């Protein structure tokens, strides 16, 4: 299953219903592709709980070519991850293979 964040339609996609209690060294990874252009992957923002996290800057490859994003040091104790698509998204993005990993 992929998340689709269409162009020019600001919205948030929230993933919830999980617990990170008892884990540390949390790391979020996912794959992202742009529908029709080489765009920066950080156009799609990420919030973990109430905290915005820094998405590394990198230009995606050709249309629909997936690249992996890895974000270290995710705040401990979160129970939601939000992918934020705002007015900067003028091309459309797909997100796939979302993983949140940590150590006990």
PDB file of N, CA and C in Angstrom:
ATOM      1  N   UNK A   1       0.836  -1.175   0.000  1.00  0.00           N
ATOM      2  CA  UNK A   1       0.000   0.000   0.000  1.00  0.00           C
ATOM      3  C   UNK A   1       0.881   1.238   0.000  1.00  0.00           C
ATOM      4  N   UNK A   2       0.551   2.202  -0.832  1.00  0.00           N
ATOM      5  CA  UNK A   2       1.280   3.460  -0.887  1.00  0.00           C
ATOM      6  C   UNK A   2       0.381   4.594  -0.408  1.00  0.00           C
ATOM      7  N   UNK A   3       1.009   5.635   0.125  1.00  0.00           N
ATOM      8  CA  UNK A   3       0.301   6.877   0.409  1.00  0.00           C
ATOM      9  C   UNK A   3       0.428   7.751  -0.818  1.00  0.00           C
ATOM     10  N   UNK A   4      -0.640   8.386  -1.232  1.00  0.00           N
ATOM     11  CA  UNK A   4      -0.611   9.301  -2.363  1.00  0.00           C
ATOM     12  C   UNK A   4      -0.933  10.694  -1.834  1.00  0.00           C
ATOM     13  N   UNK A   5      -0.018  11.635  -2.083  1.00  0.00           N
ATOM     14  CA  UNK A   5      -0.204  13.021  -1.697  1.00  0.00           C
ATOM     15  C   UNK A   5      -0.284  13.837  -2.984  1.00  0.00           C
ATOM     16  N   UNK A   6      -1.501  14.122  -3.456  1.00  0.00           N
ATOM     17  CA  UNK A   6      -1.673  14.765  -4.756  1.00  0.00           C
ATOM     18  C   UNK A   6      -1.170  16.204  -4.770  1.00  0.00           C
ATOM     19  N   UNK A   7      -0.828  16.665  -5.957  1.00  0.00           N
ATOM     20  CA  UNK A   7      -0.367  18.036  -6.147  1.00  0.00           C
ATOM     21  C   UNK A   7      -1.488  19.029  -5.860  1.00  0.00           C
ATOM     22  N   UNK A   8      -1.085  20.161  -5.304  1.00  0.00           N
ATOM     23  CA  UNK A   8      -1.978  21.316  -5.122  1.00  0.00           C
ATOM     24  C   UNK A   8      -3.222  21.020  -4.296  1.00  0.00           C
ATOM     25  N   UNK A   9      -3.119  20.055  -3.383  1.00  0.00           N
ATOM     26  CA  UNK A   9      -4.230  19.730  -2.487  1.00  0.00           C
ATOM     27  C   UNK A   9      -3.660  19.496  -1.090  1.00  0.00           C
ATOM     28  N   UNK A  10      -3.369  20.580  -0.361  1.00  0.00           N
ATOM     29  CA  UNK A  10      -2.762  20.426   0.967  1.00  0.00           C
ATOM     30  C   UNK A  10      -3.568  19.477   1.857  1.00  0.00           C
ATOM     31  N   UNK A  11      -2.864  18.549   2.493  1.00  0.00           N
ATOM     32  CA  UNK A  11      -3.496  17.650   3.447  1.00  0.00           C
ATOM     33  C   UNK A  11      -2.432  16.974   4.294  1.00  0.00           C
ATOM     34  N   UNK A  12      -2.875  16.320   5.336  1.00  0.00           N
ATOM     35  CA  UNK A  12      -2.009  15.549   6.219  1.00  0.00           C
ATOM     36  C   UNK A  12      -2.488  14.109   6.210  1.00  0.00           C
ATOM     37  N   UNK A  13      -1.541  13.185   6.245  1.00  0.00           N
ATOM     38  CA  UNK A  13      -1.863  11.776   6.409  1.00  0.00           C
ATOM     39  C   UNK A  13      -1.255  11.349   7.740  1.00  0.00           C
ATOM     40  N   UNK A  14      -2.107  10.903   8.654  1.00  0.00           N
ATOM     41  CA  UNK A  14      -1.677  10.546  10.001  1.00  0.00           C
ATOM     42  C   UNK A  14      -1.686   9.029  10.160  1.00  0.00           C
ATOM     43  N   UNK A  15      -0.583   8.498  10.668  1.00  0.00           N
ATOM     44  CA  UNK A  15      -0.490   7.078  11.028  1.00  0.00           C
ATOM     45  C   UNK A  15      -0.496   7.054  12.551  1.00  0.00           C
ATOM     46  N   UNK A  16      -1.410   6.293  13.123  1.00  0.00           N
ATOM     47  CA  UNK A  16      -1.537   6.276  14.578  1.00  0.00           C
ATOM     48  C   UNK A  16      -1.885   4.878  15.069  1.00  0.00           C
ATOM     49  N   UNK A  17      -1.931   4.753  16.393  1.00  0.00           N
ATOM     50  CA  UNK A  17      -2.336   3.483  16.966  1.00  0.00           C
ATOM     51  C   UNK A  17      -1.185   2.550  17.269  1.00  0.00           C
ATOM     52  N   UNK A  18      -0.002   3.100  17.446  1.00  0.00           N
ATOM     53  CA  UNK A  18       1.155   2.279  17.806  1.00  0.00           C
ATOM     54  C   UNK A  18       1.808   2.884  19.041  1.00  0.00           C
ATOM     55  N   UNK A  19       2.639   2.108  19.708  1.00  0.00           N
ATOM     56  CA  UNK A  19       3.321   2.570  20.917  1.00  0.00           C
ATOM     57  C   UNK A  19       4.824   2.408  20.755  1.00  0.00           C
ATOM     58  N   UNK A  20       5.563   3.429  21.158  1.00  0.00           N
ATOM     59  CA  UNK A  20       7.026   3.345  21.169  1.00  0.00           C
ATOM     60  C   UNK A  20       7.548   3.248  22.594  1.00  0.00           C
ATOM     61  N   UNK A  21       6.657   3.014  23.531  1.00  0.00           N
ATOM     62  CA  UNK A  21       7.045   2.898  24.936  1.00  0.00           C
ATOM     63  C   UNK A  21       8.075   1.781  25.113  1.00  0.00           C
ATOM     64  N   UNK A  22       9.150   2.074  25.815  1.00  0.00           N
ATOM     65  CA  UNK A  22      10.188   1.083  26.077  1.00  0.00           C
ATOM     66  C   UNK A  22      11.246   0.999  24.991  1.00  0.00           C
ATOM     67  N   UNK A  23      11.102   1.777  23.933  1.00  0.00           N
ATOM     68  CA  UNK A  23      12.091   1.779  22.848  1.00  0.00           C
ATOM     69  C   UNK A  23      12.932   3.044  22.904  1.00  0.00           C
ATOM     70  N   UNK A  24      14.138   2.951  22.373  1.00  0.00           N
ATOM     71  CA  UNK A  24      14.984   4.124  22.198  1.00  0.00           C
ATOM     72  C   UNK A  24      15.668   4.024  20.844  1.00  0.00           C
ATOM     73  N   UNK A  25      16.452   5.008  20.501  1.00  0.00           N
ATOM     74  CA  UNK A  25      17.155   5.045  19.211  1.00  0.00           C
ATOM     75  C   UNK A  25      16.188   4.802  18.054  1.00  0.00           C
ATOM     76  N   UNK A  26      15.086   5.539  18.076  1.00  0.00           N
ATOM     77  CA  UNK A  26      14.077   5.374  17.035  1.00  0.00           C
ATOM     78  C   UNK A  26      14.551   5.954  15.703  1.00  0.00           C
ATOM     79  N   UNK A  27      14.232   5.250  14.635  1.00  0.00           N
ATOM     80  CA  UNK A  27      14.601   5.654  13.280  1.00  0.00           C
ATOM     81  C   UNK A  27      13.400   5.417  12.371  1.00  0.00           C
ATOM     82  N   UNK A  28      13.056   6.444  11.586  1.00  0.00           N
ATOM     83  CA  UNK A  28      11.969   6.354  10.620  1.00  0.00           C
ATOM     84  C   UNK A  28      12.575   6.269   9.225  1.00  0.00           C
ATOM     85  N   UNK A  29      12.096   5.337   8.427  1.00  0.00           N
ATOM     86  CA  UNK A  29      12.534   5.263   7.035  1.00  0.00           C
ATOM     87  C   UNK A  29      11.307   5.034   6.153  1.00  0.00           C
ATOM     88  N   UNK A  30      11.406   5.539   4.929  1.00  0.00           N
ATOM     89  CA  UNK A  30      10.343   5.343   3.949  1.00  0.00           C
ATOM     90  C   UNK A  30      10.912   5.598   2.565  1.00  0.00           C
ATOM     91  N   UNK A  31      10.173   5.176   1.562  1.00  0.00           N
ATOM     92  CA  UNK A  31      10.555   5.440   0.180  1.00  0.00           C
ATOM     93  C   UNK A  31       9.589   6.479  -0.375  1.00  0.00           C
ATOM     94  N   UNK A  32      10.122   7.390  -1.193  1.00  0.00           N
ATOM     95  CA  UNK A  32       9.310   8.462  -1.751  1.00  0.00           C
ATOM     96  C   UNK A  32       9.622   8.625  -3.234  1.00  0.00           C
ATOM     97  N   UNK A  33       8.588   8.912  -4.003  1.00  0.00           N
ATOM     98  CA  UNK A  33       8.737   9.158  -5.437  1.00  0.00           C
ATOM     99  C   UNK A  33       7.852  10.335  -5.816  1.00  0.00           C
ATOM    100  N   UNK A  34       8.315  11.092  -6.797  1.00  0.00           N
ATOM    101  CA  UNK A  34       7.550  12.221  -7.306  1.00  0.00           C
ATOM    102  C   UNK A  34       6.839  11.794  -8.580  1.00  0.00           C
ATOM    103  N   UNK A  35       5.626  12.239  -8.744  1.00  0.00           N
ATOM    104  CA  UNK A  35       4.791  11.829  -9.864  1.00  0.00           C
ATOM    105  C   UNK A  35       5.353  12.212 -11.225  1.00  0.00           C
ATOM    106  N   UNK A  36       5.828  13.441 -11.361  1.00  0.00           N
ATOM    107  CA  UNK A  36       6.149  13.878 -12.711  1.00  0.00           C
ATOM    108  C   UNK A  36       7.367  14.796 -12.838  1.00  0.00           C
ATOM    109  N   UNK A  37       8.198  14.889 -11.832  1.00  0.00           N
ATOM    110  CA  UNK A  37       9.334  15.802 -11.925  1.00  0.00           C
ATOM    111  C   UNK A  37      10.392  15.442 -10.888  1.00  0.00           C
ATOM    112  N   UNK A  38      11.587  15.947 -11.092  1.00  0.00           N
ATOM    113  CA  UNK A  38      12.648  15.800 -10.104  1.00  0.00           C
ATOM    114  C   UNK A  38      12.475  16.918  -9.094  1.00  0.00           C
ATOM    115  N   UNK A  39      12.030  16.576  -7.923  1.00  0.00           N
ATOM    116  CA  UNK A  39      11.756  17.542  -6.857  1.00  0.00           C
ATOM    117  C   UNK A  39      12.539  17.163  -5.614  1.00  0.00           C
ATOM    118  N   UNK A  40      12.600  18.090  -4.671  1.00  0.00           N
ATOM    119  CA  UNK A  40      13.236  17.826  -3.385  1.00  0.00           C
ATOM    120  C   UNK A  40      12.331  16.917  -2.551  1.00  0.00           C
ATOM    121  N   UNK A  41      12.920  15.900  -1.919  1.00  0.00           N
ATOM    122  CA  UNK A  41      12.133  14.973  -1.102  1.00  0.00           C
ATOM    123  C   UNK A  41      11.580  15.642   0.147  1.00  0.00           C
ATOM    124  N   UNK A  42      12.206  16.756   0.588  1.00  0.00           N
ATOM    125  CA  UNK A  42      11.739  17.404   1.814  1.00  0.00           C
ATOM    126  C   UNK A  42      10.575  18.361   1.565  1.00  0.00           C
ATOM    127  N   UNK A  43      10.016  18.368   0.348  1.00  0.00           N
ATOM    128  CA  UNK A  43       8.761  19.092   0.120  1.00  0.00           C
ATOM    129  C   UNK A  43       7.668  18.480   0.990  1.00  0.00           C
ATOM    130  N   UNK A  44       7.706  17.157   1.148  1.00  0.00           N
ATOM    131  CA  UNK A  44       6.784  16.470   2.055  1.00  0.00           C
ATOM    132  C   UNK A  44       7.416  16.480   3.437  1.00  0.00           C
ATOM    133  N   UNK A  45       6.745  17.152   4.352  1.00  0.00           N
ATOM    134  CA  UNK A  45       7.267  17.309   5.714  1.00  0.00           C
ATOM    135  C   UNK A  45       6.779  16.150   6.591  1.00  0.00           C
ATOM    136  N   UNK A  46       7.477  15.943   7.714  1.00  0.00           N
ATOM    137  CA  UNK A  46       7.127  14.856   8.627  1.00  0.00           C
ATOM    138  C   UNK A  46       7.057  15.396  10.048  1.00  0.00           C
ATOM    139  N   UNK A  47       5.984  15.002  10.752  1.00  0.00           N
ATOM    140  CA  UNK A  47       5.858  15.291  12.176  1.00  0.00           C
ATOM    141  C   UNK A  47       5.785  13.958  12.911  1.00  0.00           C
ATOM    142  N   UNK A  48       6.495  13.867  14.014  1.00  0.00           N
ATOM    143  CA  UNK A  48       6.433  12.693  14.882  1.00  0.00           C
ATOM    144  C   UNK A  48       5.861  13.174  16.205  1.00  0.00           C
ATOM    145  N   UNK A  49       4.648  12.717  16.516  1.00  0.00           N
ATOM    146  CA  UNK A  49       3.927  13.311  17.630  1.00  0.00           C
ATOM    147  C   UNK A  49       3.643  14.759  17.268  1.00  0.00           C
ATOM    148  N   UNK A  50       3.957  15.680  18.176  1.00  0.00           N
ATOM    149  CA  UNK A  50       3.751  17.107  17.922  1.00  0.00           C
ATOM    150  C   UNK A  50       4.997  17.775  17.359  1.00  0.00           C
ATOM    151  N   UNK A  51       6.070  17.008  17.151  1.00  0.00           N
ATOM    152  CA  UNK A  51       7.353  17.583  16.745  1.00  0.00           C
ATOM    153  C   UNK A  51       7.617  17.416  15.255  1.00  0.00           C
ATOM    154  N   UNK A  52       7.932  18.532  14.589  1.00  0.00           N
ATOM    155  CA  UNK A  52       8.389  18.452  13.203  1.00  0.00           C
ATOM    156  C   UNK A  52       9.811  17.904  13.223  1.00  0.00           C
ATOM    157  N   UNK A  53      10.123  16.985  12.340  1.00  0.00           N
ATOM    158  CA  UNK A  53      11.474  16.445  12.235  1.00  0.00           C
ATOM    159  C   UNK A  53      12.069  16.908  10.905  1.00  0.00           C
ATOM    160  N   UNK A  54      13.389  16.947  10.846  1.00  0.00           N
ATOM    161  CA  UNK A  54      14.068  17.419   9.646  1.00  0.00           C
ATOM    162  C   UNK A  54      14.178  16.300   8.628  1.00  0.00           C
ATOM    163  N   UNK A  55      13.587  16.516   7.473  1.00  0.00           N
ATOM    164  CA  UNK A  55      13.701  15.581   6.363  1.00  0.00           C
ATOM    165  C   UNK A  55      14.933  16.001   5.561  1.00  0.00           C
ATOM    166  N   UNK A  56      15.894  15.094   5.352  1.00  0.00           N
ATOM    167  CA  UNK A  56      17.109  15.465   4.620  1.00  0.00           C
ATOM    168  C   UNK A  56      16.788  15.998   3.221  1.00  0.00           C
ATOM    169  N   UNK A  57      17.579  16.954   2.791  1.00  0.00           N
ATOM    170  CA  UNK A  57      17.425  17.512   1.454  1.00  0.00           C
ATOM    171  C   UNK A  57      18.104  16.601   0.440  1.00  0.00           C
ATOM    172  N   UNK A  58      17.381  16.257  -0.624  1.00  0.00           N
ATOM    173  CA  UNK A  58      17.926  15.469  -1.734  1.00  0.00           C
ATOM    174  C   UNK A  58      16.953  15.578  -2.895  1.00  0.00           C
ATOM    175  N   UNK A  59      17.483  15.655  -4.084  1.00  0.00           N
ATOM    176  CA  UNK A  59      16.641  15.710  -5.275  1.00  0.00           C
ATOM    177  C   UNK A  59      16.298  14.286  -5.699  1.00  0.00           C
ATOM    178  N   UNK A  60      15.013  14.050  -5.887  1.00  0.00           N
ATOM    179  CA  UNK A  60      14.564  12.729  -6.318  1.00  0.00           C
ATOM    180  C   UNK A  60      14.939  12.499  -7.775  1.00  0.00           C
ATOM    181  N   UNK A  61      15.003  11.241  -8.171  1.00  0.00           N
ATOM    182  CA  UNK A  61      15.343  10.870  -9.548  1.00  0.00           C
ATOM    183  C   UNK A  61      14.200  11.177 -10.494  1.00  0.00           C
ATOM    184  N   UNK A  62      14.119  10.440 -11.558  1.00  0.00           N
ATOM    185  CA  UNK A  62      13.095  10.642 -12.574  1.00  0.00           C
ATOM    186  C   UNK A  62      11.699  10.375 -12.055  1.00  0.00           C
ATOM    187  N   UNK A  63      10.725  10.620 -12.895  1.00  0.00           N
ATOM    188  CA  UNK A  63       9.323  10.432 -12.530  1.00  0.00           C
ATOM    189  C   UNK A  63       9.088   9.018 -12.006  1.00  0.00           C
ATOM    190  N   UNK A  64       8.432   8.953 -10.857  1.00  0.00           N
ATOM    191  CA  UNK A  64       8.046   7.688 -10.212  1.00  0.00           C
ATOM    192  C   UNK A  64       9.226   6.802  -9.821  1.00  0.00           C
ATOM    193  N   UNK A  65      10.401   7.356  -9.685  1.00  0.00           N
ATOM    194  CA  UNK A  65      11.582   6.615  -9.233  1.00  0.00           C
ATOM    195  C   UNK A  65      11.726   6.806  -7.723  1.00  0.00           C
ATOM    196  N   UNK A  66      11.606   5.709  -6.972  1.00  0.00           N
ATOM    197  CA  UNK A  66      11.646   5.783  -5.507  1.00  0.00           C
ATOM    198  C   UNK A  66      13.066   6.000  -4.984  1.00  0.00           C
ATOM    199  N   UNK A  67      13.163   6.812  -3.930  1.00  0.00           N
ATOM    200  CA  UNK A  67      14.400   7.011  -3.168  1.00  0.00           C
ATOM    201  C   UNK A  67      14.073   6.773  -1.707  1.00  0.00           C
ATOM    202  N   UNK A  68      15.045   6.278  -0.952  1.00  0.00           N
ATOM    203  CA  UNK A  68      14.821   6.023   0.471  1.00  0.00           C
ATOM    204  C   UNK A  68      15.204   7.247   1.297  1.00  0.00           C
ATOM    205  N   UNK A  69      14.363   7.553   2.269  1.00  0.00           N
ATOM    206  CA  UNK A  69      14.604   8.624   3.231  1.00  0.00           C
ATOM    207  C   UNK A  69      14.785   7.955   4.592  1.00  0.00           C
ATOM    208  N   UNK A  70      15.830   8.354   5.323  1.00  0.00           N
ATOM    209  CA  UNK A  70      16.066   7.838   6.668  1.00  0.00           C
ATOM    210  C   UNK A  70      16.203   9.033   7.608  1.00  0.00           C
ATOM    211  N   UNK A  71      15.415   9.017   8.678  1.00  0.00           N
ATOM    212  CA  UNK A  71      15.455  10.084   9.673  1.00  0.00           C
ATOM    213  C   UNK A  71      15.798   9.447  11.011  1.00  0.00           C
ATOM    214  N   UNK A  72      16.948   9.818  11.538  1.00  0.00           N
ATOM    215  CA  UNK A  72      17.422   9.301  12.830  1.00  0.00           C
ATOM    216  C   UNK A  72      16.872  10.173  13.968  1.00  0.00           C
ATOM    217  N   UNK A  73      17.052   9.714  15.179  1.00  0.00           N
ATOM    218  CA  UNK A  73      16.713  10.480  16.389  1.00  0.00           C
ATOM    219  C   UNK A  73      15.256  10.914  16.444  1.00  0.00           C
ATOM    220  N   UNK A  74      14.368  10.007  16.118  1.00  0.00           N
ATOM    221  CA  UNK A  74      12.938  10.270  16.247  1.00  0.00           C
ATOM    222  C   UNK A  74      12.618  10.347  17.745  1.00  0.00           C
ATOM    223  N   UNK A  75      11.810  11.317  18.162  1.00  0.00           N
ATOM    224  CA  UNK A  75      11.507  11.463  19.592  1.00  0.00           C
ATOM    225  C   UNK A  75      10.895  10.190  20.189  1.00  0.00           C
ATOM    226  N   UNK A  76      11.352   9.829  21.359  1.00  0.00           N
ATOM    227  CA  UNK A  76      10.844   8.654  22.070  1.00  0.00           C
ATOM    228  C   UNK A  76       9.458   8.982  22.633  1.00  0.00           C
ATOM    229  N   UNK A  77       8.581   8.005  22.629  1.00  0.00           N
ATOM    230  CA  UNK A  77       7.257   8.161  23.219  1.00  0.00           C
ATOM    231  C   UNK A  77       6.176   8.606  22.253  1.00  0.00           C
ATOM    232  N   UNK A  78       6.495   8.714  20.978  1.00  0.00           N
ATOM    233  CA  UNK A  78       5.482   9.152  20.014  1.00  0.00           C
ATOM    234  C   UNK A  78       4.458   8.048  19.765  1.00  0.00           C
ATOM    235  N   UNK A  79       3.276   8.458  19.349  1.00  0.00           N
ATOM    236  CA  UNK A  79       2.257   7.476  18.966  1.00  0.00           C
ATOM    237  C   UNK A  79       1.606   7.848  17.632  1.00  0.00           C
ATOM    238  N   UNK A  80       2.134   8.898  16.978  1.00  0.00           N
ATOM    239  CA  UNK A  80       1.649   9.279  15.651  1.00  0.00           C
ATOM    240  C   UNK A  80       2.817   9.724  14.769  1.00  0.00           C
ATOM    241  N   UNK A  81       2.663   9.475  13.485  1.00  0.00           N
ATOM    242  CA  UNK A  81       3.558  10.006  12.458  1.00  0.00           C
ATOM    243  C   UNK A  81       2.651  10.663  11.428  1.00  0.00           C
ATOM    244  N   UNK A  82       2.977  11.907  11.059  1.00  0.00           N
ATOM    245  CA  UNK A  82       2.163  12.651  10.105  1.00  0.00           C
ATOM    246  C   UNK A  82       3.013  13.066   8.912  1.00  0.00           C
ATOM    247  N   UNK A  83       2.541  12.756   7.725  1.00  0.00           N
ATOM    248  CA  UNK A  83       3.163  13.237   6.498  1.00  0.00           C
ATOM    249  C   UNK A  83       2.351  14.451   6.059  1.00  0.00           C
ATOM    250  N   UNK A  84       3.027  15.586   5.904  1.00  0.00           N
ATOM    251  CA  UNK A  84       2.373  16.865   5.644  1.00  0.00           C
ATOM    252  C   UNK A  84       2.644  17.306   4.209  1.00  0.00           C
ATOM    253  N   UNK A  85       1.577  17.491   3.469  1.00  0.00           N
ATOM    254  CA  UNK A  85       1.649  18.002   2.109  1.00  0.00           C
ATOM    255  C   UNK A  85       0.986  19.373   2.110  1.00  0.00           C
ATOM    256  N   UNK A  86       1.790  20.417   1.823  1.00  0.00           N
ATOM    257  CA  UNK A  86       1.243  21.768   1.838  1.00  0.00           C
ATOM    258  C   UNK A  86       1.351  22.397   0.449  1.00  0.00           C
ATOM    259  N   UNK A  87       1.280  23.718   0.376  1.00  0.00           N
ATOM    260  CA  UNK A  87       1.286  24.404  -0.916  1.00  0.00           C
ATOM    261  C   UNK A  87       2.571  24.195  -1.720  1.00  0.00           C
ATOM    262  N   UNK A  88       3.648  23.732  -1.090  1.00  0.00           N
ATOM    263  CA  UNK A  88       4.899  23.461  -1.812  1.00  0.00           C
ATOM    264  C   UNK A  88       4.785  22.237  -2.723  1.00  0.00           C
ATOM    265  N   UNK A  89       3.820  21.368  -2.454  1.00  0.00           N
ATOM    266  CA  UNK A  89       3.632  20.160  -3.264  1.00  0.00           C
ATOM    267  C   UNK A  89       2.858  20.510  -4.527  1.00  0.00           C
ATOM    268  N   UNK A  90       3.604  20.756  -5.602  1.00  0.00           N
ATOM    269  CA  UNK A  90       2.959  21.079  -6.875  1.00  0.00           C
ATOM    270  C   UNK A  90       3.166  19.981  -7.918  1.00  0.00           C
ATOM    271  N   UNK A  91       3.585  18.790  -7.474  1.00  0.00           N
ATOM    272  CA  UNK A  91       3.877  17.717  -8.415  1.00  0.00           C
ATOM    273  C   UNK A  91       3.221  16.384  -8.062  1.00  0.00           C
ATOM    274  N   UNK A  92       2.891  16.128  -6.813  1.00  0.00           N
ATOM    275  CA  UNK A  92       2.332  14.850  -6.392  1.00  0.00           C
ATOM    276  C   UNK A  92       3.419  13.866  -5.989  1.00  0.00           C
ATOM    277  N   UNK A  93       3.261  13.234  -4.823  1.00  0.00           N
ATOM    278  CA  UNK A  93       4.260  12.314  -4.275  1.00  0.00           C
ATOM    279  C   UNK A  93       3.595  11.030  -3.803  1.00  0.00           C
ATOM    280  N   UNK A  94       4.333   9.925  -3.932  1.00  0.00           N
ATOM    281  CA  UNK A  94       3.941   8.640  -3.361  1.00  0.00           C
ATOM    282  C   UNK A  94       4.945   8.274  -2.278  1.00  0.00           C
ATOM    283  N   UNK A  95       4.432   7.693  -1.197  1.00  0.00           N
ATOM    284  CA  UNK A  95       5.265   7.217  -0.092  1.00  0.00           C
ATOM    285  C   UNK A  95       4.943   5.763   0.126  1.00  0.00           C
ATOM    286  N   UNK A  96       6.000   4.949   0.319  1.00  0.00           N
ATOM    287  CA  UNK A  96       5.836   3.505   0.433  1.00  0.00           C
ATOM    288  C   UNK A  96       6.847   2.974   1.451  1.00  0.00           C
ATOM    289  N   UNK A  97       6.682   1.749   1.884  1.00  0.00           N
ATOM    290  CA  UNK A  97       7.619   1.036   2.772  1.00  0.00           C
ATOM    291  C   UNK A  97       7.996   1.836   4.013  1.00  0.00           C
ATOM    292  N   UNK A  98       6.997   2.342   4.727  1.00  0.00           N
ATOM    293  CA  UNK A  98       7.233   3.122   5.934  1.00  0.00           C
ATOM    294  C   UNK A  98       7.615   2.190   7.073  1.00  0.00           C
ATOM    295  N   UNK A  99       8.732   2.507   7.748  1.00  0.00           N
ATOM    296  CA  UNK A  99       9.217   1.675   8.859  1.00  0.00           C
ATOM    297  C   UNK A  99       9.645   2.570  10.010  1.00  0.00           C
ATOM    298  N   UNK A 100       9.252   2.200  11.219  1.00  0.00           N
ATOM    299  CA  UNK A 100       9.720   2.843  12.430  1.00  0.00           C
ATOM    300  C   UNK A 100      10.405   1.760  13.238  1.00  0.00           C
ATOM    301  N   UNK A 101      11.693   1.933  13.465  1.00  0.00           N
ATOM    302  CA  UNK A 101      12.495   0.918  14.155  1.00  0.00           C
ATOM    303  C   UNK A 101      13.149   1.531  15.381  1.00  0.00           C
ATOM    304  N   UNK A 102      13.415   0.696  16.373  1.00  0.00           N
ATOM    305  CA  UNK A 102      14.096   1.145  17.578  1.00  0.00           C
ATOM    306  C   UNK A 102      14.686  -0.026  18.328  1.00  0.00           C
ATOM    307  N   UNK A 103      15.402   0.307  19.394  1.00  0.00           N
ATOM    308  CA  UNK A 103      16.023  -0.716  20.241  1.00  0.00           C
ATOM    309  C   UNK A 103      15.308  -0.732  21.587  1.00  0.00           C
ATOM    310  N   UNK A 104      15.195  -1.917  22.171  1.00  0.00           N
ATOM    311  CA  UNK A 104      14.585  -2.052  23.500  1.00  0.00           C
ATOM    312  C   UNK A 104      15.637  -2.022  24.560  1.00  0.00           C
TER     313      UNK A 104
END
